[in-house]
Every structure is written in structure tokens, then in C-alpha cells.
Amino acid sequence: MRATQLETLAKIRAAVGYLGERDHFAWWQSAFFSAASRTFLAPIFAKTQLLAQVTGVTQAAARIHDERIGVGQVYHLFRLPEPTEQAIHRLLMDAKLSAEITFLTNDKDVALQFLRQHAEPAPVTGMGPTRLGNATDLAKPKTWRSVVNHYLHGFEQSAQIFPYFVEVP
């Protein structure tokens, strides 16, 4: 996966994670991006606050996704192949990307607009766990536009949707 694609993926993860928190659409009960959490985390994680927030929301969202989808041979926005996870982790330490993600996760409307800009305009059917393809599709930019479209549809329709991909032997 190219660096620009990984940066976009990190932003998508942060935006969806932020919107899914209890202060917004409440798909998971975390509040890592709330004002109170920012105040609490700032002195503890002075240089890595955003990394802590994204890691926290990723774990909270992954738990809900795993409960709905299951684990083993399955990938979703919050549980990706290990090399991709490590690359995203490294990218989150970049000051420019951190500033962009901080901007995205400060306002619900900004995060929703970001998702609208990165969504593939296509009809979405169904709710809950939704298989979008195989693990080999994860490297394709079009795949992530479809994933964004599903989350955006879920947020706008108040219907939880959990897009996922399976590892095919």
C-alpha cells in the first residue's frame, strides 16, 4: 500500500472512530476524542496524544466490530493485516498528518464532510456485518471508498453497518 493511501486510511479510521464514539453516533462507548479526554491525556501523552486517542478508539471500535463480525480470517477498518497496522502506527507520529487528523476529529460536521469526500457514491443495502470482499481487495483505493460509503450511510441513517473482508485460503 502506498504512503498516501495509508495516510488516507489513517484519516478514515480516525474520522469513523471519532464519529462512532458516544458523543456522536454511539456505536461504541468510548470518548477518546472528547474535550475531557483531551484534557486528561494531554499531560500524560504530551507528544503522542493523538496516537493515544486513535489507538484507544481503534481498540474500542475493533471490539464492537469483532463482536458483530467475529474474529479469525476477517479484516475490517479497525483490524487490518499486521504490516498495515504497523505502517499506520508509524504514520500517526508524523506532525503534519497528526494536525490533519486533529482537525478532522474536532468537529462532527468536518468529519462527516471528510467521509462524504472519500465515499464512493453507490447504493448501500443492509445493516450490521456486511462483507465487501476478500483480503486481497484491501490494497485497492476503490475498496476504501466503498467502506467509507457504508459507514457514512450508517451514520446518516442511524443504522450500524460493519463492513469487512475475509481471508480466502
N, C-alpha and C. Protein backbone atom coordinates (compact mmCIF):
# COMPACT_ATOMS: atom_id res chain seq x y z
N MET A 1 0.85 -1.17 0.00
CA MET A 1 0.00 0.00 0.00
C MET A 1 0.90 1.24 0.00
N ARG A 2 0.60 2.20 -0.84
CA ARG A 2 1.40 3.43 -0.93
C ARG A 2 1.20 4.31 0.31
N ALA A 3 2.18 5.18 0.55
CA ALA A 3 2.13 6.06 1.73
C ALA A 3 0.90 6.96 1.72
N THR A 4 0.56 7.52 0.56
CA THR A 4 -0.61 8.40 0.50
C THR A 4 -1.89 7.63 0.81
N GLN A 5 -1.95 6.40 0.35
CA GLN A 5 -3.13 5.58 0.63
C GLN A 5 -3.19 5.24 2.12
N LEU A 6 -2.05 4.97 2.73
CA LEU A 6 -2.02 4.69 4.17
C LEU A 6 -2.42 5.92 4.98
N GLU A 7 -1.99 7.11 4.53
CA GLU A 7 -2.39 8.34 5.22
C GLU A 7 -3.90 8.53 5.15
N THR A 8 -4.46 8.29 3.98
CA THR A 8 -5.92 8.40 3.83
C THR A 8 -6.62 7.38 4.72
N LEU A 9 -6.09 6.18 4.77
CA LEU A 9 -6.67 5.13 5.61
C LEU A 9 -6.61 5.53 7.09
N ALA A 10 -5.50 6.13 7.52
CA ALA A 10 -5.39 6.59 8.91
C ALA A 10 -6.43 7.67 9.20
N LYS A 11 -6.65 8.57 8.25
CA LYS A 11 -7.67 9.62 8.43
C LYS A 11 -9.07 9.02 8.47
N ILE A 12 -9.33 8.05 7.60
CA ILE A 12 -10.64 7.39 7.59
C ILE A 12 -10.89 6.71 8.93
N ARG A 13 -9.88 5.98 9.41
CA ARG A 13 -10.02 5.28 10.69
C ARG A 13 -10.31 6.28 11.81
N ALA A 14 -9.57 7.38 11.84
CA ALA A 14 -9.77 8.38 12.89
C ALA A 14 -11.15 9.02 12.78
N ALA A 15 -11.57 9.37 11.57
CA ALA A 15 -12.88 10.03 11.39
C ALA A 15 -14.02 9.10 11.77
N VAL A 16 -13.98 7.85 11.30
CA VAL A 16 -15.04 6.89 11.64
C VAL A 16 -15.00 6.59 13.14
N GLY A 17 -13.80 6.41 13.69
CA GLY A 17 -13.67 6.16 15.12
C GLY A 17 -14.26 7.29 15.94
N TYR A 18 -13.93 8.52 15.56
CA TYR A 18 -14.44 9.72 16.24
C TYR A 18 -15.97 9.78 16.16
N LEU A 19 -16.51 9.59 14.98
CA LEU A 19 -17.97 9.67 14.80
C LEU A 19 -18.71 8.54 15.51
N GLY A 20 -18.06 7.40 15.66
CA GLY A 20 -18.70 6.26 16.32
C GLY A 20 -18.73 6.36 17.83
N GLU A 21 -18.00 7.34 18.39
CA GLU A 21 -17.95 7.46 19.84
C GLU A 21 -19.28 7.93 20.43
N ARG A 22 -19.40 7.77 21.74
CA ARG A 22 -20.69 8.02 22.42
C ARG A 22 -21.19 9.45 22.29
N ASP A 23 -20.30 10.43 22.08
CA ASP A 23 -20.74 11.82 21.95
C ASP A 23 -21.39 12.11 20.60
N HIS A 24 -21.28 11.17 19.66
CA HIS A 24 -21.82 11.41 18.32
C HIS A 24 -22.87 10.35 17.97
N PHE A 25 -22.45 9.25 17.34
CA PHE A 25 -23.44 8.24 16.93
C PHE A 25 -23.52 7.04 17.88
N ALA A 26 -22.61 6.99 18.84
CA ALA A 26 -22.63 5.99 19.93
C ALA A 26 -22.67 4.55 19.45
N TRP A 27 -21.85 4.23 18.47
CA TRP A 27 -21.73 2.82 18.06
C TRP A 27 -20.84 2.07 19.04
N TRP A 28 -19.90 2.78 19.68
CA TRP A 28 -19.08 2.24 20.75
C TRP A 28 -19.07 3.29 21.85
N GLN A 29 -18.80 2.86 23.07
CA GLN A 29 -18.99 3.75 24.21
C GLN A 29 -17.73 4.49 24.66
N SER A 30 -16.74 4.57 23.82
CA SER A 30 -15.53 5.31 24.18
C SER A 30 -15.74 6.80 23.98
N ALA A 31 -14.80 7.58 24.54
CA ALA A 31 -14.85 9.04 24.39
C ALA A 31 -13.42 9.59 24.31
N PHE A 32 -12.56 8.94 23.55
CA PHE A 32 -11.16 9.34 23.47
C PHE A 32 -10.97 10.72 22.83
N PHE A 33 -11.92 11.15 22.02
CA PHE A 33 -11.79 12.45 21.36
C PHE A 33 -12.62 13.54 22.02
N SER A 34 -13.21 13.25 23.17
CA SER A 34 -14.00 14.27 23.87
C SER A 34 -13.06 15.31 24.49
N ALA A 35 -13.60 16.47 24.81
CA ALA A 35 -12.79 17.53 25.42
C ALA A 35 -12.19 17.07 26.75
N ALA A 36 -12.97 16.34 27.54
CA ALA A 36 -12.47 15.86 28.83
C ALA A 36 -11.31 14.89 28.64
N SER A 37 -11.42 14.01 27.66
CA SER A 37 -10.33 13.06 27.40
C SER A 37 -9.08 13.77 26.92
N ARG A 38 -9.27 14.75 26.05
CA ARG A 38 -8.10 15.52 25.57
C ARG A 38 -7.39 16.18 26.75
N THR A 39 -8.15 16.76 27.66
CA THR A 39 -7.57 17.41 28.83
C THR A 39 -6.85 16.41 29.71
N PHE A 40 -7.43 15.23 29.88
CA PHE A 40 -6.82 14.19 30.70
C PHE A 40 -5.55 13.64 30.05
N LEU A 41 -5.60 13.40 28.75
CA LEU A 41 -4.47 12.77 28.06
C LEU A 41 -3.30 13.71 27.81
N ALA A 42 -3.56 15.00 27.69
CA ALA A 42 -2.51 15.96 27.32
C ALA A 42 -1.27 15.90 28.21
N PRO A 43 -1.39 15.92 29.54
CA PRO A 43 -0.16 15.88 30.34
C PRO A 43 0.51 14.51 30.36
N ILE A 44 -0.25 13.46 30.15
CA ILE A 44 0.30 12.11 30.20
C ILE A 44 0.99 11.75 28.88
N PHE A 45 0.35 12.11 27.77
CA PHE A 45 0.87 11.81 26.44
C PHE A 45 1.16 13.11 25.69
N ALA A 46 2.01 13.93 26.26
CA ALA A 46 2.26 15.27 25.70
C ALA A 46 2.65 15.23 24.22
N LYS A 47 3.50 14.31 23.84
CA LYS A 47 3.97 14.27 22.45
C LYS A 47 3.22 13.26 21.59
N THR A 48 2.47 12.39 22.22
CA THR A 48 1.80 11.33 21.47
C THR A 48 0.31 11.25 21.78
N GLN A 49 -0.29 12.38 22.09
CA GLN A 49 -1.71 12.39 22.46
C GLN A 49 -2.59 11.84 21.35
N LEU A 50 -2.38 12.28 20.13
CA LEU A 50 -3.22 11.80 19.03
C LEU A 50 -3.05 10.29 18.83
N LEU A 51 -1.82 9.81 18.93
CA LEU A 51 -1.58 8.38 18.81
C LEU A 51 -2.36 7.62 19.89
N ALA A 52 -2.36 8.14 21.11
CA ALA A 52 -3.11 7.50 22.19
C ALA A 52 -4.61 7.52 21.90
N GLN A 53 -5.11 8.64 21.41
CA GLN A 53 -6.54 8.74 21.10
C GLN A 53 -6.94 7.77 19.99
N VAL A 54 -6.18 7.75 18.91
CA VAL A 54 -6.51 6.87 17.78
C VAL A 54 -6.37 5.41 18.19
N THR A 55 -5.34 5.09 18.96
CA THR A 55 -5.17 3.72 19.43
C THR A 55 -6.35 3.31 20.32
N GLY A 56 -6.75 4.20 21.21
CA GLY A 56 -7.88 3.90 22.09
C GLY A 56 -9.18 3.68 21.34
N VAL A 57 -9.49 4.60 20.43
CA VAL A 57 -10.75 4.46 19.68
C VAL A 57 -10.68 3.25 18.75
N THR A 58 -9.49 2.95 18.23
CA THR A 58 -9.34 1.77 17.38
C THR A 58 -9.67 0.50 18.16
N GLN A 59 -9.17 0.41 19.39
CA GLN A 59 -9.45 -0.76 20.22
C GLN A 59 -10.94 -0.86 20.58
N ALA A 60 -11.54 0.27 20.91
CA ALA A 60 -12.97 0.27 21.25
C ALA A 60 -13.81 -0.15 20.05
N ALA A 61 -13.51 0.41 18.89
CA ALA A 61 -14.26 0.08 17.68
C ALA A 61 -14.00 -1.36 17.23
N ALA A 62 -12.75 -1.80 17.37
CA ALA A 62 -12.41 -3.18 16.98
C ALA A 62 -13.20 -4.18 17.82
N ARG A 63 -13.34 -3.89 19.10
CA ARG A 63 -14.09 -4.80 19.98
C ARG A 63 -15.54 -4.95 19.50
N ILE A 64 -16.18 -3.85 19.16
CA ILE A 64 -17.57 -3.90 18.69
C ILE A 64 -17.65 -4.61 17.34
N HIS A 65 -16.74 -4.28 16.44
CA HIS A 65 -16.72 -4.95 15.13
C HIS A 65 -16.53 -6.46 15.31
N ASP A 66 -15.57 -6.84 16.16
CA ASP A 66 -15.29 -8.26 16.37
C ASP A 66 -16.49 -8.99 16.98
N GLU A 67 -17.21 -8.32 17.88
CA GLU A 67 -18.41 -8.93 18.46
C GLU A 67 -19.47 -9.17 17.40
N ARG A 68 -19.60 -8.26 16.45
CA ARG A 68 -20.63 -8.36 15.42
C ARG A 68 -20.22 -9.28 14.27
N ILE A 69 -18.94 -9.19 13.89
CA ILE A 69 -18.45 -9.91 12.70
C ILE A 69 -17.86 -11.27 13.07
N GLY A 70 -17.15 -11.31 14.18
CA GLY A 70 -16.38 -12.48 14.56
C GLY A 70 -14.90 -12.21 14.31
N VAL A 71 -14.06 -13.11 14.79
CA VAL A 71 -12.62 -12.94 14.62
C VAL A 71 -12.04 -14.15 13.90
N GLY A 72 -10.88 -13.96 13.32
CA GLY A 72 -10.22 -15.04 12.61
C GLY A 72 -10.49 -14.97 11.13
N GLN A 73 -9.46 -14.74 10.36
CA GLN A 73 -9.55 -14.68 8.90
C GLN A 73 -10.47 -13.56 8.42
N VAL A 74 -10.65 -12.53 9.24
CA VAL A 74 -11.53 -11.41 8.91
C VAL A 74 -10.79 -10.10 9.17
N TYR A 75 -10.96 -9.15 8.27
CA TYR A 75 -10.38 -7.81 8.43
C TYR A 75 -11.47 -6.76 8.31
N HIS A 76 -11.26 -5.66 9.03
CA HIS A 76 -12.16 -4.51 8.92
C HIS A 76 -11.33 -3.26 9.20
N LEU A 77 -11.94 -2.10 9.12
CA LEU A 77 -11.23 -0.83 9.27
C LEU A 77 -10.40 -0.77 10.55
N PHE A 78 -10.84 -1.42 11.58
CA PHE A 78 -10.16 -1.33 12.87
C PHE A 78 -9.34 -2.57 13.21
N ARG A 79 -9.23 -3.50 12.29
CA ARG A 79 -8.36 -4.67 12.44
C ARG A 79 -7.88 -5.06 11.05
N LEU A 80 -6.68 -4.60 10.73
CA LEU A 80 -6.10 -4.81 9.40
C LEU A 80 -4.90 -5.75 9.50
N PRO A 81 -4.38 -6.22 8.38
CA PRO A 81 -3.17 -7.05 8.44
C PRO A 81 -2.05 -6.33 9.19
N GLU A 82 -1.24 -7.08 9.91
CA GLU A 82 -0.22 -6.50 10.80
C GLU A 82 0.71 -5.50 10.11
N PRO A 83 1.21 -5.76 8.90
CA PRO A 83 2.07 -4.74 8.27
C PRO A 83 1.35 -3.41 8.05
N THR A 84 0.08 -3.46 7.74
CA THR A 84 -0.71 -2.23 7.56
C THR A 84 -0.90 -1.52 8.90
N GLU A 85 -1.20 -2.29 9.94
CA GLU A 85 -1.36 -1.70 11.28
C GLU A 85 -0.07 -1.00 11.71
N GLN A 86 1.06 -1.64 11.49
CA GLN A 86 2.34 -1.04 11.89
C GLN A 86 2.63 0.23 11.09
N ALA A 87 2.32 0.20 9.81
CA ALA A 87 2.55 1.38 8.96
C ALA A 87 1.68 2.55 9.42
N ILE A 88 0.42 2.29 9.75
CA ILE A 88 -0.47 3.35 10.24
C ILE A 88 0.06 3.90 11.56
N HIS A 89 0.50 3.02 12.44
CA HIS A 89 1.05 3.45 13.73
C HIS A 89 2.23 4.41 13.53
N ARG A 90 3.13 4.05 12.63
CA ARG A 90 4.28 4.93 12.35
C ARG A 90 3.83 6.27 11.77
N LEU A 91 2.86 6.23 10.87
CA LEU A 91 2.38 7.46 10.24
C LEU A 91 1.74 8.42 11.25
N LEU A 92 1.11 7.88 12.26
CA LEU A 92 0.43 8.72 13.25
C LEU A 92 1.40 9.58 14.06
N MET A 93 2.69 9.29 13.96
CA MET A 93 3.69 10.09 14.66
C MET A 93 4.16 11.27 13.81
N ASP A 94 3.69 11.35 12.57
CA ASP A 94 4.05 12.46 11.68
C ASP A 94 3.26 13.70 12.08
N ALA A 95 3.95 14.81 12.27
CA ALA A 95 3.31 16.05 12.75
C ALA A 95 2.25 16.57 11.79
N LYS A 96 2.52 16.53 10.49
CA LYS A 96 1.56 17.05 9.51
C LYS A 96 0.28 16.21 9.51
N LEU A 97 0.43 14.90 9.46
CA LEU A 97 -0.74 14.03 9.47
C LEU A 97 -1.49 14.17 10.80
N SER A 98 -0.77 14.27 11.89
CA SER A 98 -1.42 14.44 13.20
C SER A 98 -2.27 15.70 13.23
N ALA A 99 -1.74 16.78 12.66
CA ALA A 99 -2.50 18.04 12.62
C ALA A 99 -3.77 17.88 11.79
N GLU A 100 -3.66 17.18 10.66
CA GLU A 100 -4.84 16.96 9.80
C GLU A 100 -5.89 16.12 10.52
N ILE A 101 -5.45 15.08 11.21
CA ILE A 101 -6.39 14.22 11.94
C ILE A 101 -7.00 14.97 13.12
N THR A 102 -6.20 15.77 13.80
CA THR A 102 -6.73 16.58 14.90
C THR A 102 -7.83 17.50 14.40
N PHE A 103 -7.63 18.11 13.24
CA PHE A 103 -8.65 18.97 12.65
C PHE A 103 -9.92 18.18 12.35
N LEU A 104 -9.76 16.97 11.79
CA LEU A 104 -10.92 16.12 11.45
C LEU A 104 -11.72 15.70 12.67
N THR A 105 -11.01 15.50 13.77
CA THR A 105 -11.66 14.93 14.96
C THR A 105 -12.04 15.99 15.99
N ASN A 106 -12.13 17.22 15.57
CA ASN A 106 -12.57 18.30 16.46
C ASN A 106 -14.01 18.72 16.21
N ASP A 107 -14.58 18.26 15.09
CA ASP A 107 -15.92 18.73 14.73
C ASP A 107 -16.65 17.63 13.95
N LYS A 108 -17.82 17.29 14.40
CA LYS A 108 -18.63 16.24 13.77
C LYS A 108 -18.89 16.53 12.30
N ASP A 109 -19.24 17.77 11.97
CA ASP A 109 -19.55 18.12 10.58
C ASP A 109 -18.32 18.03 9.68
N VAL A 110 -17.16 18.39 10.21
CA VAL A 110 -15.92 18.28 9.44
C VAL A 110 -15.62 16.81 9.14
N ALA A 111 -15.79 15.95 10.14
CA ALA A 111 -15.54 14.52 9.95
C ALA A 111 -16.52 13.93 8.94
N LEU A 112 -17.79 14.30 9.04
CA LEU A 112 -18.79 13.81 8.07
C LEU A 112 -18.48 14.30 6.66
N GLN A 113 -18.07 15.55 6.54
CA GLN A 113 -17.72 16.09 5.22
C GLN A 113 -16.52 15.36 4.64
N PHE A 114 -15.55 15.05 5.47
CA PHE A 114 -14.39 14.26 5.02
C PHE A 114 -14.86 12.91 4.47
N LEU A 115 -15.76 12.25 5.18
CA LEU A 115 -16.26 10.96 4.70
C LEU A 115 -17.02 11.13 3.39
N ARG A 116 -17.81 12.17 3.27
CA ARG A 116 -18.54 12.41 2.01
C ARG A 116 -17.57 12.58 0.84
N GLN A 117 -16.46 13.25 1.09
CA GLN A 117 -15.48 13.48 0.03
C GLN A 117 -14.75 12.20 -0.38
N HIS A 118 -14.71 11.22 0.51
CA HIS A 118 -13.97 9.98 0.24
C HIS A 118 -14.87 8.77 0.00
N ALA A 119 -16.17 9.00 -0.06
CA ALA A 119 -17.12 7.90 -0.27
C ALA A 119 -17.37 7.67 -1.75
N GLU A 120 -17.53 6.41 -2.10
CA GLU A 120 -17.94 6.05 -3.45
C GLU A 120 -19.45 6.16 -3.50
N PRO A 121 -19.98 7.03 -4.35
CA PRO A 121 -21.44 7.17 -4.41
C PRO A 121 -22.08 5.93 -5.03
N ALA A 122 -22.63 5.10 -4.18
CA ALA A 122 -23.30 3.87 -4.64
C ALA A 122 -24.34 3.50 -3.60
N PRO A 123 -25.41 2.84 -4.01
CA PRO A 123 -26.43 2.45 -3.04
C PRO A 123 -25.86 1.45 -2.02
N VAL A 124 -26.31 1.58 -0.79
CA VAL A 124 -25.91 0.67 0.27
C VAL A 124 -27.15 -0.07 0.72
N THR A 125 -27.06 -1.39 0.74
CA THR A 125 -28.19 -2.19 1.22
C THR A 125 -27.73 -2.97 2.45
N GLY A 126 -28.64 -3.19 3.34
CA GLY A 126 -28.34 -4.00 4.52
C GLY A 126 -27.82 -3.18 5.68
N MET A 127 -27.74 -3.87 6.80
CA MET A 127 -27.23 -3.30 8.04
C MET A 127 -26.37 -4.36 8.69
N GLY A 128 -25.73 -3.98 9.79
CA GLY A 128 -24.91 -4.93 10.53
C GLY A 128 -23.69 -5.35 9.75
N PRO A 129 -23.17 -6.55 10.02
CA PRO A 129 -21.99 -7.03 9.31
C PRO A 129 -22.26 -7.13 7.80
N THR A 130 -21.38 -6.53 7.01
CA THR A 130 -21.56 -6.50 5.56
C THR A 130 -20.24 -6.87 4.89
N ARG A 131 -20.21 -8.03 4.27
CA ARG A 131 -18.99 -8.45 3.58
C ARG A 131 -18.85 -7.68 2.27
N LEU A 132 -17.69 -7.01 2.11
CA LEU A 132 -17.44 -6.23 0.90
C LEU A 132 -16.45 -6.90 -0.04
N GLY A 133 -15.81 -7.95 0.39
CA GLY A 133 -14.86 -8.61 -0.50
C GLY A 133 -13.87 -9.47 0.26
N ASN A 134 -12.74 -9.71 -0.40
CA ASN A 134 -11.69 -10.55 0.16
C ASN A 134 -10.52 -9.69 0.63
N ALA A 135 -9.64 -10.27 1.42
CA ALA A 135 -8.49 -9.54 1.95
C ALA A 135 -7.62 -8.97 0.84
N THR A 136 -7.61 -9.60 -0.31
CA THR A 136 -6.81 -9.09 -1.43
C THR A 136 -7.31 -7.73 -1.91
N ASP A 137 -8.55 -7.40 -1.60
CA ASP A 137 -9.13 -6.11 -2.01
C ASP A 137 -8.66 -4.95 -1.13
N LEU A 138 -8.05 -5.24 0.01
CA LEU A 138 -7.68 -4.19 0.95
C LEU A 138 -6.68 -3.18 0.38
N ALA A 139 -5.90 -3.57 -0.59
CA ALA A 139 -4.89 -2.68 -1.16
C ALA A 139 -5.45 -1.76 -2.25
N LYS A 140 -6.70 -1.94 -2.60
CA LYS A 140 -7.29 -1.16 -3.69
C LYS A 140 -7.98 0.10 -3.14
N PRO A 141 -7.64 1.28 -3.68
CA PRO A 141 -8.28 2.52 -3.21
C PRO A 141 -9.81 2.49 -3.33
N LYS A 142 -10.33 1.87 -4.37
CA LYS A 142 -11.78 1.81 -4.56
C LYS A 142 -12.45 1.08 -3.39
N THR A 143 -11.77 0.09 -2.85
CA THR A 143 -12.29 -0.66 -1.71
C THR A 143 -12.60 0.28 -0.55
N TRP A 144 -11.67 1.19 -0.27
CA TRP A 144 -11.84 2.07 0.88
C TRP A 144 -12.89 3.13 0.63
N ARG A 145 -13.10 3.51 -0.62
CA ARG A 145 -14.20 4.43 -0.93
C ARG A 145 -15.54 3.75 -0.66
N SER A 146 -15.61 2.45 -0.93
CA SER A 146 -16.82 1.69 -0.63
C SER A 146 -17.02 1.54 0.88
N VAL A 147 -15.94 1.27 1.60
CA VAL A 147 -16.01 1.17 3.06
C VAL A 147 -16.53 2.48 3.65
N VAL A 148 -15.95 3.60 3.20
CA VAL A 148 -16.38 4.91 3.69
C VAL A 148 -17.86 5.13 3.38
N ASN A 149 -18.28 4.76 2.19
CA ASN A 149 -19.68 4.92 1.81
C ASN A 149 -20.60 4.15 2.76
N HIS A 150 -20.20 2.95 3.15
CA HIS A 150 -21.01 2.16 4.06
C HIS A 150 -21.10 2.81 5.44
N TYR A 151 -19.97 3.24 5.98
CA TYR A 151 -20.01 3.90 7.29
C TYR A 151 -20.83 5.19 7.22
N LEU A 152 -20.61 5.98 6.19
CA LEU A 152 -21.34 7.24 6.04
C LEU A 152 -22.84 6.98 5.98
N HIS A 153 -23.24 5.99 5.19
CA HIS A 153 -24.65 5.62 5.10
C HIS A 153 -25.18 5.23 6.49
N GLY A 154 -24.42 4.43 7.21
CA GLY A 154 -24.84 4.02 8.54
C GLY A 154 -25.02 5.20 9.48
N PHE A 155 -24.07 6.13 9.47
CA PHE A 155 -24.19 7.30 10.33
C PHE A 155 -25.40 8.15 9.94
N GLU A 156 -25.58 8.37 8.65
CA GLU A 156 -26.67 9.23 8.19
C GLU A 156 -28.04 8.59 8.38
N GLN A 157 -28.10 7.26 8.38
CA GLN A 157 -29.38 6.57 8.52
C GLN A 157 -29.60 5.99 9.91
N SER A 158 -28.69 6.26 10.82
CA SER A 158 -28.75 5.71 12.19
C SER A 158 -28.89 4.19 12.17
N ALA A 159 -28.07 3.57 11.34
CA ALA A 159 -28.07 2.11 11.20
C ALA A 159 -26.63 1.62 11.25
N GLN A 160 -26.31 0.83 12.25
CA GLN A 160 -24.93 0.34 12.36
C GLN A 160 -24.60 -0.61 11.22
N ILE A 161 -23.51 -0.31 10.53
CA ILE A 161 -23.02 -1.13 9.43
C ILE A 161 -21.55 -1.42 9.71
N PHE A 162 -21.15 -2.68 9.58
CA PHE A 162 -19.79 -3.09 9.86
C PHE A 162 -19.19 -3.78 8.64
N PRO A 163 -18.61 -3.01 7.71
CA PRO A 163 -18.03 -3.61 6.51
C PRO A 163 -16.79 -4.45 6.87
N TYR A 164 -16.65 -5.59 6.20
CA TYR A 164 -15.50 -6.45 6.48
C TYR A 164 -15.07 -7.21 5.24
N PHE A 165 -13.89 -7.84 5.37
CA PHE A 165 -13.27 -8.60 4.29
C PHE A 165 -12.78 -9.92 4.86
N VAL A 166 -12.79 -10.96 4.06
CA VAL A 166 -12.36 -12.27 4.54
C VAL A 166 -11.07 -12.70 3.86
N GLU A 167 -10.29 -13.46 4.60
CA GLU A 167 -9.06 -14.06 4.08
C GLU A 167 -9.46 -15.35 3.38
N VAL A 168 -9.17 -15.42 2.10
CA VAL A 168 -9.52 -16.61 1.33
C VAL A 168 -8.27 -17.48 1.21
N PRO A 169 -8.39 -18.78 1.56
CA PRO A 169 -7.21 -19.66 1.51
C PRO A 169 -6.64 -19.81 0.12
